[in-house]
N, C-alpha and C. Protein backbone atom coordinates (compact mmCIF):
# COMPACT_ATOMS: atom_id res chain seq x y z
N UNK A 1 60.91 63.68 203.22
CA UNK A 1 60.90 64.35 201.84
C UNK A 1 59.35 63.49 200.77
N UNK A 2 58.69 63.54 200.73
CA UNK A 2 57.62 62.69 199.58
C UNK A 2 58.52 62.53 198.40
N UNK A 3 58.15 61.81 197.59
CA UNK A 3 58.47 61.10 196.12
C UNK A 3 57.23 61.41 195.65
N UNK A 4 57.17 61.85 194.50
CA UNK A 4 55.95 62.36 193.32
C UNK A 4 56.53 61.89 191.89
N UNK A 5 56.11 60.93 191.23
CA UNK A 5 56.60 60.49 189.92
C UNK A 5 55.28 60.52 189.26
N UNK A 6 55.47 61.07 188.13
CA UNK A 6 54.11 60.83 187.30
C UNK A 6 54.38 60.05 186.00
N UNK A 7 54.23 58.80 185.50
CA UNK A 7 54.29 58.36 184.67
C UNK A 7 53.53 58.98 183.28
N UNK A 8 54.21 59.77 182.58
CA UNK A 8 53.68 60.14 181.03
C UNK A 8 52.84 59.41 180.37
N UNK A 9 53.39 58.11 180.00
CA UNK A 9 52.18 57.45 179.25
C UNK A 9 51.19 56.92 179.56
N UNK A 10 51.42 56.71 181.00
CA UNK A 10 49.90 55.85 182.14
C UNK A 10 49.21 57.41 182.12
N UNK A 11 49.48 58.50 182.55
CA UNK A 11 48.90 59.31 182.97
C UNK A 11 47.67 60.03 181.53
N UNK A 12 48.58 59.71 180.34
CA UNK A 12 48.21 60.26 179.22
C UNK A 12 47.13 59.38 178.71
N UNK A 13 46.98 57.77 179.17
CA UNK A 13 46.09 56.76 179.03
C UNK A 13 44.54 57.47 180.12
N UNK A 14 45.12 57.79 181.43
CA UNK A 14 44.06 58.24 182.32
C UNK A 14 43.26 59.48 181.27
N UNK A 15 43.96 60.03 180.71
CA UNK A 15 43.46 61.62 180.13
C UNK A 15 42.76 60.69 178.81
N UNK A 16 42.91 60.00 178.08
CA UNK A 16 42.31 59.68 176.93
C UNK A 16 41.12 58.84 177.35
N UNK A 17 41.10 57.76 178.81
CA UNK A 17 39.75 57.77 179.10
C UNK A 17 39.07 58.32 179.93
N UNK A 18 39.21 59.48 180.37
CA UNK A 18 38.58 60.52 181.23
C UNK A 18 37.85 61.34 180.33
N UNK A 19 38.79 61.93 179.08
CA UNK A 19 38.31 62.34 178.03
C UNK A 19 37.04 61.25 176.90
N UNK A 20 37.33 60.41 176.71
CA UNK A 20 36.18 59.54 176.57
C UNK A 20 35.24 59.35 177.05
N UNK A 21 35.09 59.53 178.46
CA UNK A 21 34.29 59.55 178.92
C UNK A 21 33.20 60.29 178.78
N UNK A 22 33.79 61.68 179.31
CA UNK A 22 32.99 63.11 178.84
C UNK A 22 32.33 63.33 177.70
N UNK A 23 33.26 62.77 176.76
CA UNK A 23 31.98 62.92 175.54
C UNK A 23 31.18 61.93 175.10
N UNK A 24 30.88 61.10 175.87
CA UNK A 24 30.57 59.59 176.24
C UNK A 24 28.90 61.22 177.17
N UNK A 25 28.92 61.42 177.94
CA UNK A 25 28.27 62.11 178.92
C UNK A 25 28.15 63.43 177.99
N UNK A 26 28.53 64.07 177.54
CA UNK A 26 28.35 64.97 176.92
C UNK A 26 27.42 64.85 175.38
N UNK A 27 27.27 63.61 175.02
CA UNK A 27 26.43 63.41 174.10
C UNK A 27 25.01 62.65 174.26
N UNK A 28 24.91 62.82 175.56
CA UNK A 28 23.20 62.49 175.95
C UNK A 28 22.57 63.46 176.30
N UNK A 29 21.23 63.46 175.27
CA UNK A 29 20.12 64.21 175.23
C UNK A 29 19.10 63.48 175.36
N UNK A 30 17.61 64.11 176.08
CA UNK A 30 16.86 63.43 176.13
C UNK A 30 15.66 64.31 175.75
N UNK A 31 14.51 63.53 175.27
CA UNK A 31 13.81 63.72 174.85
C UNK A 31 12.01 63.21 175.55
N UNK A 32 11.03 63.75 174.75
CA UNK A 32 9.78 63.77 175.43
C UNK A 32 8.93 63.20 174.62
N UNK A 33 8.26 62.32 174.18
CA UNK A 33 7.33 62.37 173.28
C UNK A 33 5.94 62.16 173.68
N UNK A 34 5.65 63.28 173.59
CA UNK A 34 4.23 63.89 174.44
C UNK A 34 3.25 63.50 173.51
N UNK A 35 3.22 62.90 172.29
CA UNK A 35 2.23 62.16 171.49
C UNK A 35 1.36 61.27 172.55
N UNK A 36 2.39 60.62 173.40
CA UNK A 36 1.71 58.96 173.60
C UNK A 36 1.86 59.30 175.42
N UNK A 37 2.24 60.45 175.76
CA UNK A 37 2.17 60.52 176.98
C UNK A 37 0.54 61.12 177.34
N UNK A 38 0.38 60.37 178.43
CA UNK A 38 -0.77 61.08 179.42
C UNK A 38 -0.80 61.33 180.90
N UNK A 39 -0.16 62.43 180.64
CA UNK A 39 0.31 63.18 182.11
C UNK A 39 -0.63 64.15 182.34
N UNK A 40 -1.06 65.04 183.28
CA UNK A 40 -1.56 65.92 183.65
C UNK A 40 -0.46 67.14 183.81
N UNK A 41 0.46 66.72 184.50
CA UNK A 41 1.65 67.60 184.28
C UNK A 41 2.76 67.69 182.90
N UNK A 42 2.59 67.32 181.98
CA UNK A 42 3.35 67.08 180.98
C UNK A 42 4.28 68.38 180.82
N UNK A 43 4.23 69.68 180.72
CA UNK A 43 4.68 70.75 180.84
C UNK A 43 5.72 70.54 181.88
N UNK A 44 5.51 70.37 182.91
CA UNK A 44 6.53 70.66 183.93
C UNK A 44 7.35 69.17 183.75
N UNK A 45 7.00 68.52 183.39
CA UNK A 45 7.99 67.02 182.98
C UNK A 45 9.00 67.40 181.78
N UNK A 46 8.42 68.20 180.75
CA UNK A 46 9.12 68.91 179.33
C UNK A 46 10.11 69.42 180.07
N UNK A 47 10.06 70.18 180.76
CA UNK A 47 10.47 71.63 181.85
C UNK A 47 12.11 70.67 182.19
N UNK A 48 11.48 69.66 183.41
CA UNK A 48 12.79 69.20 183.64
C UNK A 48 13.47 68.64 182.72
N UNK A 49 12.99 67.54 181.69
CA UNK A 49 14.13 66.87 180.47
C UNK A 49 14.98 68.02 180.09
N UNK A 50 14.00 69.63 179.88
CA UNK A 50 14.81 70.47 179.09
C UNK A 50 16.15 71.13 180.03
N UNK A 51 15.63 71.09 181.07
CA UNK A 51 16.71 71.33 182.24
C UNK A 51 17.83 70.38 182.60
N UNK A 52 17.41 69.37 182.70
CA UNK A 52 18.24 67.80 182.88
C UNK A 52 19.57 68.34 181.46
N UNK A 53 18.73 68.61 180.46
CA UNK A 53 19.41 68.25 178.83
C UNK A 53 20.64 69.58 179.16
N UNK A 54 20.11 70.86 179.76
CA UNK A 54 20.86 71.89 179.82
C UNK A 54 21.81 71.76 180.84
N UNK A 55 21.82 70.93 181.48
CA UNK A 55 22.83 70.66 182.84
C UNK A 55 23.79 69.47 182.17
N UNK A 56 23.17 68.74 181.47
CA UNK A 56 24.33 67.80 180.90
C UNK A 56 25.66 68.79 179.83
N UNK A 57 24.82 69.79 179.58
CA UNK A 57 25.71 70.88 178.39
C UNK A 57 26.45 71.38 179.34
N UNK A 58 26.31 72.01 181.08
CA UNK A 58 27.20 72.64 181.51
C UNK A 58 28.23 71.92 182.34
N UNK A 59 27.75 70.18 182.65
CA UNK A 59 28.85 69.41 182.96
C UNK A 59 29.92 69.10 181.93
N UNK A 60 29.10 68.97 180.33
CA UNK A 60 30.43 68.69 179.73
C UNK A 60 31.71 70.02 179.64
N UNK A 61 30.88 70.90 179.46
CA UNK A 61 31.96 72.41 179.55
C UNK A 61 32.82 72.25 180.55
N UNK A 62 32.26 71.77 182.34
CA UNK A 62 33.42 71.27 183.33
C UNK A 62 34.13 70.58 183.13
N UNK A 63 33.58 69.21 182.26
CA UNK A 63 34.48 68.19 181.97
C UNK A 63 35.62 68.24 181.05
N UNK A 64 35.22 69.33 179.72
CA UNK A 64 36.15 69.96 179.03
C UNK A 64 37.45 70.93 179.92
N UNK A 65 37.19 71.51 180.81
CA UNK A 65 37.93 71.87 181.50
C UNK A 65 38.88 71.40 182.44
N UNK A 66 38.13 70.44 182.79
CA UNK A 66 39.14 68.95 183.96
C UNK A 66 40.34 68.13 182.32
N UNK A 67 39.76 68.26 181.45
CA UNK A 67 40.59 67.32 180.22
C UNK A 67 41.39 68.18 179.93
N UNK A 68 41.41 69.39 179.54
CA UNK A 68 42.28 70.25 179.43
C UNK A 68 43.15 70.62 180.51
N UNK A 69 43.07 70.51 181.58
CA UNK A 69 43.88 70.69 183.06
C UNK A 69 44.54 69.51 183.08
N UNK A 70 44.22 68.31 182.99
CA UNK A 70 44.77 67.06 182.83
C UNK A 70 45.88 67.30 182.09
N UNK A 71 45.59 67.64 180.70
CA UNK A 71 46.71 68.06 179.94
C UNK A 71 47.80 68.80 180.08
N UNK A 72 47.49 70.15 180.86
CA UNK A 72 47.98 71.20 181.38
C UNK A 72 49.18 70.29 182.14
N UNK A 73 48.68 69.97 183.22
CA UNK A 73 49.53 69.37 184.18
C UNK A 73 50.51 68.39 183.58
N UNK A 74 50.19 67.46 182.64
CA UNK A 74 51.28 66.65 182.04
C UNK A 74 52.11 67.61 181.33
N UNK A 75 51.94 68.57 180.64
CA UNK A 75 52.88 69.28 180.05
C UNK A 75 53.99 69.94 180.87
N UNK A 76 53.14 70.47 181.91
CA UNK A 76 54.10 70.94 182.82
C UNK A 76 55.16 69.82 183.69
N UNK A 77 54.41 68.83 184.01
CA UNK A 77 54.99 68.22 184.79
C UNK A 77 56.81 67.55 183.88
N UNK A 78 56.21 67.55 182.75
CA UNK A 78 57.22 66.91 181.35
C UNK A 78 58.16 67.83 181.41
N UNK A 79 57.90 69.35 181.45
CA UNK A 79 59.07 70.09 181.08
C UNK A 79 59.41 70.54 182.23
N UNK A 80 58.99 70.38 183.51
CA UNK A 80 59.69 70.61 184.66
C UNK A 80 60.90 69.42 185.04
N UNK A 81 60.36 68.17 184.38
CA UNK A 81 61.02 67.04 184.91
C UNK A 81 62.26 67.02 183.45
N UNK A 82 62.07 67.42 182.62
CA UNK A 82 63.51 67.91 181.61
C UNK A 82 64.09 68.82 181.72
N UNK A 83 63.45 69.81 182.14
CA UNK A 83 64.54 71.06 183.01
C UNK A 83 65.30 70.42 184.39
N UNK A 84 64.70 69.69 185.05
CA UNK A 84 65.43 68.98 185.98
C UNK A 84 66.55 68.02 185.69
N UNK A 85 66.41 67.28 184.93
CA UNK A 85 67.42 66.55 184.43
C UNK A 85 68.56 66.80 183.50
N UNK A 86 68.53 68.34 183.68
CA UNK A 86 69.75 69.06 182.57
C UNK A 86 70.41 69.70 183.91
N UNK A 87 70.08 69.71 184.83
CA UNK A 87 70.65 70.28 186.20
C UNK A 87 71.24 69.07 187.10
N UNK A 88 72.13 69.79 187.68
CA UNK A 88 73.00 69.08 188.59
C UNK A 88 72.66 68.87 189.63
N UNK A 89 72.89 67.85 190.69
CA UNK A 89 72.18 68.06 192.19
C UNK A 89 72.25 69.45 192.51
N UNK A 90 73.56 70.09 193.04
CA UNK A 90 73.47 71.52 193.37
C UNK A 90 72.74 71.99 192.82
N UNK A 91 72.84 72.18 191.43
CA UNK A 91 71.91 73.88 191.14
C UNK A 91 70.13 73.38 191.08
N UNK A 92 69.99 71.74 191.46
CA UNK A 92 68.69 71.29 191.71
C UNK A 92 68.36 72.07 193.29
N UNK A 93 69.10 71.77 194.20
CA UNK A 93 68.90 71.92 195.44
C UNK A 93 69.21 73.57 196.05
N UNK A 94 70.15 74.47 195.37
CA UNK A 94 70.93 75.24 196.14
C UNK A 94 70.53 76.46 195.22
N UNK A 95 69.94 76.44 193.45
CA UNK A 95 69.87 77.40 192.72
C UNK A 95 70.83 77.65 191.75
């Protein structure tokens, strides 16, 4: 039988670190100074930059979902651990 252990304090540090990194990524925003650029395909370049910014926004939404999932895992794990702690071994094994 496999043994699984989740240290809530260490996992919270991972959640905080992940959330901090996600916020850094979500804050990214690129722009183009078209006044100083001399490109024939400037319009296409601006489209690409706008698409990149839209992609960063979508990634931010996914990162928020991941962060919330991690928090939910921690909460459920701690609830399960608390429930098991109040039961005898017989109750845990045989219901």
